Amino acid sequence: MQKENIYLVWNILIIFSLLETLKADAKCELNINDCNYKLTLLPSNNCWNSTVVRSRPKRSEENGQEISDIADKLETLQSEFSKMQHKLVKEMNHLSKRVLRGARRVELLAEDAMPKGQGKKKSKCPQGFESFDDWNDCYLFSTFNTTWYDARDYCQAMDSDLVGLQTRKEQFLVAFKILNHPEYRDAKSWWTSGTYVPSIKKWMWMNTINMLPFDYTKWAVNEPNDHLNKNLQCVMMYKLDDLLWHDQICTDKYNFICEKPAT
């Protein structure tokens, strides 16, 4: 009897050992004392639920993180595209204005090349602009001051640009107008389109389709002195120095002069 019990216990231990290696829903048959026993291994509800509870949140967290990463990348791309689109529109507007001004200048040069009395018309300036006798450009003198950048935006909004003093005659005419006009002569300084371009290390006029270097200059003594301060990159006519040219910080605020071809 004792031997049979020991034998039964031994068989039970073997059964549990085998069951440990079987997967869920596995089956086996066992013969004990000429009796066949069929055993089936099934997980309990608690075991099954715990597996589901552990696995689903993990997959959910991974999917959520992937969606979040994709959304962040999409938002970044949309932001970059919007910036590029805005910059392109602005550049196209500026280019269009410059092309129109350049075309008008070509027309004026062609008219000047004609014999007197053939095709040349009397210059006309739009409202707010003024010109000089036998002169092909119109000028708008501001009655307020602002930065060089805002002054240029203002002029471009008026279908013009900051003045470029490219000849001795133009410097004289503009300076004479300022000094002899009651509304203009009290202004401290006047912005021009002149600016320093670090990439080519030259002072350039910005009021043409293509930037033009300074062929004529009217710098004051010891000017420009941008070698002492790299922020001095915009050209102004300084009232206290007979309207000679000074380089100045572009964010300072002064009056300004817009220029456009006459029609």
Protein backbone atom coordinates (compact mmCIF):
# COMPACT_ATOMS: atom_id res chain seq x y z
CA MET A 1 0.00 0.00 0.00
CA GLN A 2 2.81 2.35 0.91
CA LYS A 3 4.57 1.54 -2.33
CA GLU A 4 1.41 2.31 -4.31
CA ASN A 5 1.09 5.71 -2.60
CA ILE A 6 4.68 6.52 -3.33
CA TYR A 7 4.14 5.49 -6.93
CA LEU A 8 1.01 7.67 -7.15
CA VAL A 9 2.81 10.71 -5.73
CA TRP A 10 5.67 10.18 -8.11
CA ASN A 11 3.24 10.08 -11.05
CA ILE A 12 1.51 13.25 -9.88
CA LEU A 13 4.87 15.06 -9.70
CA ILE A 14 5.63 13.93 -13.22
CA ILE A 15 2.22 15.20 -14.33
CA PHE A 16 2.84 18.68 -12.87
CA SER A 17 6.30 18.74 -14.42
CA LEU A 18 4.80 17.95 -17.82
CA LEU A 19 2.03 20.49 -17.39
CA GLU A 20 4.61 23.24 -16.70
CA THR A 21 6.02 22.73 -20.18
CA LEU A 22 2.66 22.65 -21.96
CA LYS A 23 1.05 25.74 -23.54
CA ALA A 24 -2.47 26.93 -22.81
CA ASP A 25 -5.22 24.59 -24.03
CA ALA A 26 -2.68 21.68 -24.30
CA LYS A 27 -3.96 18.14 -23.51
CA CYS A 28 -2.32 14.86 -22.38
CA GLU A 29 -3.35 11.31 -21.37
CA LEU A 30 -1.96 9.43 -18.39
CA ASN A 31 -2.33 5.75 -17.30
CA ILE A 32 -2.32 5.02 -13.59
CA ASN A 33 -3.05 1.50 -12.33
CA ASP A 34 -4.49 0.54 -15.72
CA CYS A 35 -6.78 3.57 -15.68
CA ASN A 36 -6.51 6.25 -18.38
CA TYR A 37 -6.76 9.87 -17.29
CA LYS A 38 -7.14 12.79 -19.77
CA LEU A 39 -5.82 16.14 -18.47
CA THR A 40 -6.33 19.59 -20.00
CA LEU A 41 -4.38 22.75 -19.00
CA LEU A 42 -6.44 25.98 -19.24
CA PRO A 43 -5.57 29.44 -17.91
CA SER A 44 -7.85 30.88 -15.27
CA ASN A 45 -9.79 34.08 -15.94
CA ASN A 46 -7.44 36.01 -13.71
CA CYS A 47 -4.38 34.86 -15.66
CA TRP A 48 -5.96 35.68 -19.02
CA ASN A 49 -7.15 39.12 -17.95
CA SER A 50 -3.83 40.03 -16.39
CA THR A 51 -2.08 39.21 -19.68
CA VAL A 52 -4.46 41.43 -21.61
CA VAL A 53 -4.24 44.23 -19.09
CA ARG A 54 -0.45 44.17 -19.26
CA SER A 55 -0.15 44.00 -23.06
CA ARG A 56 -2.78 46.49 -24.26
CA PRO A 57 -1.58 49.57 -22.41
CA LYS A 58 1.93 48.95 -23.70
CA ARG A 59 0.77 48.79 -27.32
CA SER A 60 -1.45 51.81 -26.75
CA GLU A 61 1.45 53.86 -25.33
CA GLU A 62 3.70 52.94 -28.25
CA ASN A 63 1.05 53.84 -30.83
CA GLY A 64 0.29 57.09 -29.02
CA GLN A 65 3.97 58.09 -29.00
CA GLU A 66 4.31 57.38 -32.73
CA ILE A 67 1.23 59.48 -33.52
CA SER A 68 2.56 62.31 -31.34
CA ASP A 69 5.96 62.24 -33.12
CA ILE A 70 4.30 62.31 -36.54
CA ALA A 71 2.06 65.23 -35.49
CA ASP A 72 5.09 67.19 -34.23
CA LYS A 73 6.99 66.63 -37.48
CA LEU A 74 3.95 67.65 -39.54
CA GLU A 75 3.50 70.82 -37.52
CA THR A 76 7.19 71.69 -38.00
CA LEU A 77 6.97 71.15 -41.76
CA GLN A 78 3.81 73.28 -41.98
CA SER A 79 5.51 76.09 -40.07
CA GLU A 80 8.60 76.00 -42.31
CA PHE A 81 6.43 75.94 -45.44
CA SER A 82 4.41 78.93 -44.23
CA LYS A 83 7.60 80.93 -43.57
CA MET A 84 9.02 80.08 -47.00
CA GLN A 85 5.73 80.99 -48.70
CA HIS A 86 5.57 84.35 -46.91
CA LYS A 87 9.20 85.12 -47.80
CA LEU A 88 8.65 84.18 -51.45
CA VAL A 89 5.57 86.40 -51.76
CA LYS A 90 7.43 89.33 -50.23
CA GLU A 91 10.44 88.87 -52.53
CA MET A 92 8.19 88.60 -55.58
CA ASN A 93 6.43 91.85 -54.64
CA HIS A 94 9.75 93.65 -54.23
CA LEU A 95 11.05 92.22 -57.52
CA SER A 96 7.92 93.31 -59.36
CA LYS A 97 8.27 96.89 -58.10
CA ARG A 98 11.93 97.01 -59.04
CA VAL A 99 11.23 95.68 -62.53
CA LEU A 100 8.60 98.38 -63.08
CA ARG A 101 10.93 101.12 -61.86
CA GLY A 102 13.75 99.75 -64.03
CA ALA A 103 11.52 99.66 -67.08
CA ARG A 104 10.49 103.25 -66.49
CA ARG A 105 14.10 104.33 -66.19
CA VAL A 106 14.87 102.65 -69.51
CA GLU A 107 11.99 104.56 -71.12
CA LEU A 108 13.30 107.83 -69.72
CA LEU A 109 16.81 107.11 -70.98
CA ALA A 110 15.37 106.39 -74.44
CA GLU A 111 13.44 109.67 -74.39
CA ASP A 112 16.56 111.58 -73.36
CA ALA A 113 18.45 110.05 -76.28
CA MET A 114 15.89 111.39 -78.76
CA PRO A 115 16.40 114.75 -80.50
CA LYS A 116 14.80 117.69 -78.75
CA GLY A 117 11.10 118.01 -79.39
CA GLN A 118 10.67 114.34 -80.39
CA GLY A 119 8.86 112.14 -77.89
CA LYS A 120 10.05 113.87 -74.71
CA LYS A 121 7.28 114.68 -72.27
CA LYS A 122 7.15 116.97 -69.30
CA SER A 123 7.85 115.08 -66.06
CA LYS A 124 4.91 114.44 -63.75
CA CYS A 125 5.07 113.23 -60.15
CA PRO A 126 2.33 111.48 -58.15
CA GLN A 127 0.66 113.19 -55.25
CA GLY A 128 3.03 113.76 -52.33
CA PHE A 129 6.13 113.65 -54.55
CA GLU A 130 7.97 116.60 -56.02
CA SER A 131 10.70 117.10 -58.60
CA PHE A 132 12.99 119.72 -60.15
CA ASP A 133 13.09 121.35 -63.55
CA ASP A 134 14.58 119.13 -66.25
CA TRP A 135 14.87 116.24 -63.80
CA ASN A 136 13.51 112.74 -64.29
CA ASP A 137 13.00 111.61 -60.69
CA CYS A 138 10.40 112.46 -58.07
CA TYR A 139 11.03 112.72 -54.33
CA LEU A 140 8.93 112.40 -51.21
CA PHE A 141 10.35 114.02 -48.06
CA SER A 142 8.94 112.50 -44.88
CA THR A 143 7.57 114.63 -42.06
CA PHE A 144 8.27 111.97 -39.41
CA ASN A 145 11.21 109.77 -38.44
CA THR A 146 11.62 106.01 -38.28
CA THR A 147 14.23 103.25 -38.71
CA TRP A 148 16.00 102.62 -42.01
CA TYR A 149 14.10 99.35 -42.44
CA ASP A 150 10.67 100.87 -41.80
CA ALA A 151 11.52 103.85 -43.99
CA ARG A 152 12.29 101.52 -46.87
CA ASP A 153 9.06 99.58 -46.33
CA TYR A 154 7.14 102.87 -46.38
CA CYS A 155 8.75 103.96 -49.63
CA GLN A 156 8.08 100.61 -51.28
CA ALA A 157 4.46 100.83 -50.22
CA MET A 158 4.38 104.12 -52.16
CA ASP A 159 5.78 102.32 -55.24
CA SER A 160 9.19 103.90 -54.69
CA ASP A 161 12.35 103.29 -52.66
CA LEU A 162 14.78 105.19 -50.47
CA VAL A 163 16.76 107.77 -52.41
CA GLY A 164 20.07 106.91 -54.06
CA LEU A 165 22.32 109.97 -54.42
CA GLN A 166 24.27 108.75 -57.44
CA THR A 167 25.52 112.07 -58.81
CA ARG A 168 26.83 115.39 -57.53
CA LYS A 169 23.85 117.18 -59.11
CA GLU A 170 21.34 114.93 -57.33
CA GLN A 171 23.10 115.48 -53.98
CA PHE A 172 22.99 119.23 -54.52
CA LEU A 173 19.31 119.32 -55.57
CA VAL A 174 18.11 117.20 -52.63
CA ALA A 175 20.24 119.05 -50.08
CA PHE A 176 19.10 122.43 -51.46
CA LYS A 177 15.47 121.37 -51.14
CA ILE A 178 15.91 120.29 -47.53
CA LEU A 179 17.81 123.38 -46.42
CA ASN A 180 15.35 125.82 -48.02
CA HIS A 181 12.02 124.23 -47.14
CA PRO A 182 10.41 125.32 -43.85
CA GLU A 183 9.03 121.84 -43.11
CA TYR A 184 12.24 119.94 -43.90
CA ARG A 185 15.14 122.10 -42.67
CA ASP A 186 14.58 121.38 -38.98
CA ALA A 187 14.88 117.61 -39.34
CA LYS A 188 18.05 116.25 -37.76
CA SER A 189 18.98 113.71 -40.46
CA TRP A 190 17.65 111.91 -43.52
CA TRP A 191 17.93 108.24 -44.44
CA THR A 192 19.09 107.27 -47.94
CA SER A 193 19.10 103.80 -49.55
CA GLY A 194 22.86 103.49 -49.03
CA THR A 195 23.96 100.50 -46.95
CA TYR A 196 27.05 98.38 -46.37
CA VAL A 197 26.90 94.83 -47.78
CA PRO A 198 29.26 92.63 -45.72
CA SER A 199 29.26 89.75 -48.22
CA ILE A 200 31.00 91.92 -50.85
CA LYS A 201 32.47 94.49 -48.45
CA LYS A 202 31.08 97.47 -50.38
CA TRP A 203 28.71 100.37 -49.87
CA MET A 204 25.76 100.00 -52.23
CA TRP A 205 22.61 101.85 -53.28
CA MET A 206 19.54 99.64 -52.77
CA ASN A 207 16.98 101.61 -54.82
CA THR A 208 17.55 99.91 -58.17
CA ILE A 209 16.73 96.50 -59.63
CA ASN A 210 20.35 95.53 -59.12
CA MET A 211 22.30 97.09 -56.27
CA LEU A 212 24.74 99.76 -57.48
CA PRO A 213 28.10 100.59 -55.88
CA PHE A 214 28.92 104.16 -54.87
CA ASP A 215 30.41 105.87 -57.95
CA TYR A 216 29.95 109.27 -56.32
CA THR A 217 30.35 109.98 -52.59
CA LYS A 218 29.83 112.89 -50.25
CA TRP A 219 31.15 111.48 -46.99
CA ALA A 220 31.85 113.81 -44.08
CA VAL A 221 35.35 113.94 -42.57
CA ASN A 222 36.37 110.62 -40.95
CA GLU A 223 33.34 108.90 -42.47
CA PRO A 224 32.49 106.12 -42.89
CA ASN A 225 33.79 104.78 -39.59
CA ASP A 226 32.12 101.37 -39.60
CA HIS A 227 35.52 99.87 -38.82
CA LEU A 228 35.02 101.24 -35.30
CA ASN A 229 31.48 99.91 -34.97
CA LYS A 230 30.21 97.10 -37.21
CA ASN A 231 26.60 98.19 -36.57
CA LEU A 232 27.07 101.42 -38.55
CA GLN A 233 25.74 100.10 -41.86
CA CYS A 234 23.19 102.61 -43.15
CA VAL A 235 23.84 106.01 -44.80
CA MET A 236 22.14 109.21 -43.73
CA MET A 237 22.47 112.92 -44.63
CA TYR A 238 23.42 114.64 -41.36
CA LYS A 239 21.85 118.09 -40.87
CA LEU A 240 24.53 119.34 -38.42
CA ASP A 241 27.25 118.50 -40.94
CA ASP A 242 25.87 120.31 -44.01
CA LEU A 243 23.93 117.18 -45.02
CA LEU A 244 27.15 115.28 -45.70
CA TRP A 245 27.00 111.50 -45.42
CA HIS A 246 27.41 109.62 -42.15
CA ASP A 247 27.13 105.89 -41.53
CA GLN A 248 24.73 105.15 -38.73
CA ILE A 249 22.99 102.30 -36.88
CA CYS A 250 20.06 101.23 -39.06
CA THR A 251 17.62 100.97 -36.16
CA ASP A 252 18.03 104.63 -35.20
CA LYS A 253 15.12 106.85 -36.19
CA TYR A 254 15.43 109.73 -38.68
CA ASN A 255 13.45 111.35 -41.47
CA PHE A 256 13.83 109.79 -44.90
CA ILE A 257 13.51 110.50 -48.64
CA CYS A 258 11.68 108.28 -51.12
CA GLU A 259 12.53 108.36 -54.84
CA LYS A 260 10.79 107.12 -57.97
CA PRO A 261 10.99 107.89 -61.69
CA ALA A 262 8.73 110.63 -63.01
CA THR A 263 6.01 109.72 -65.49
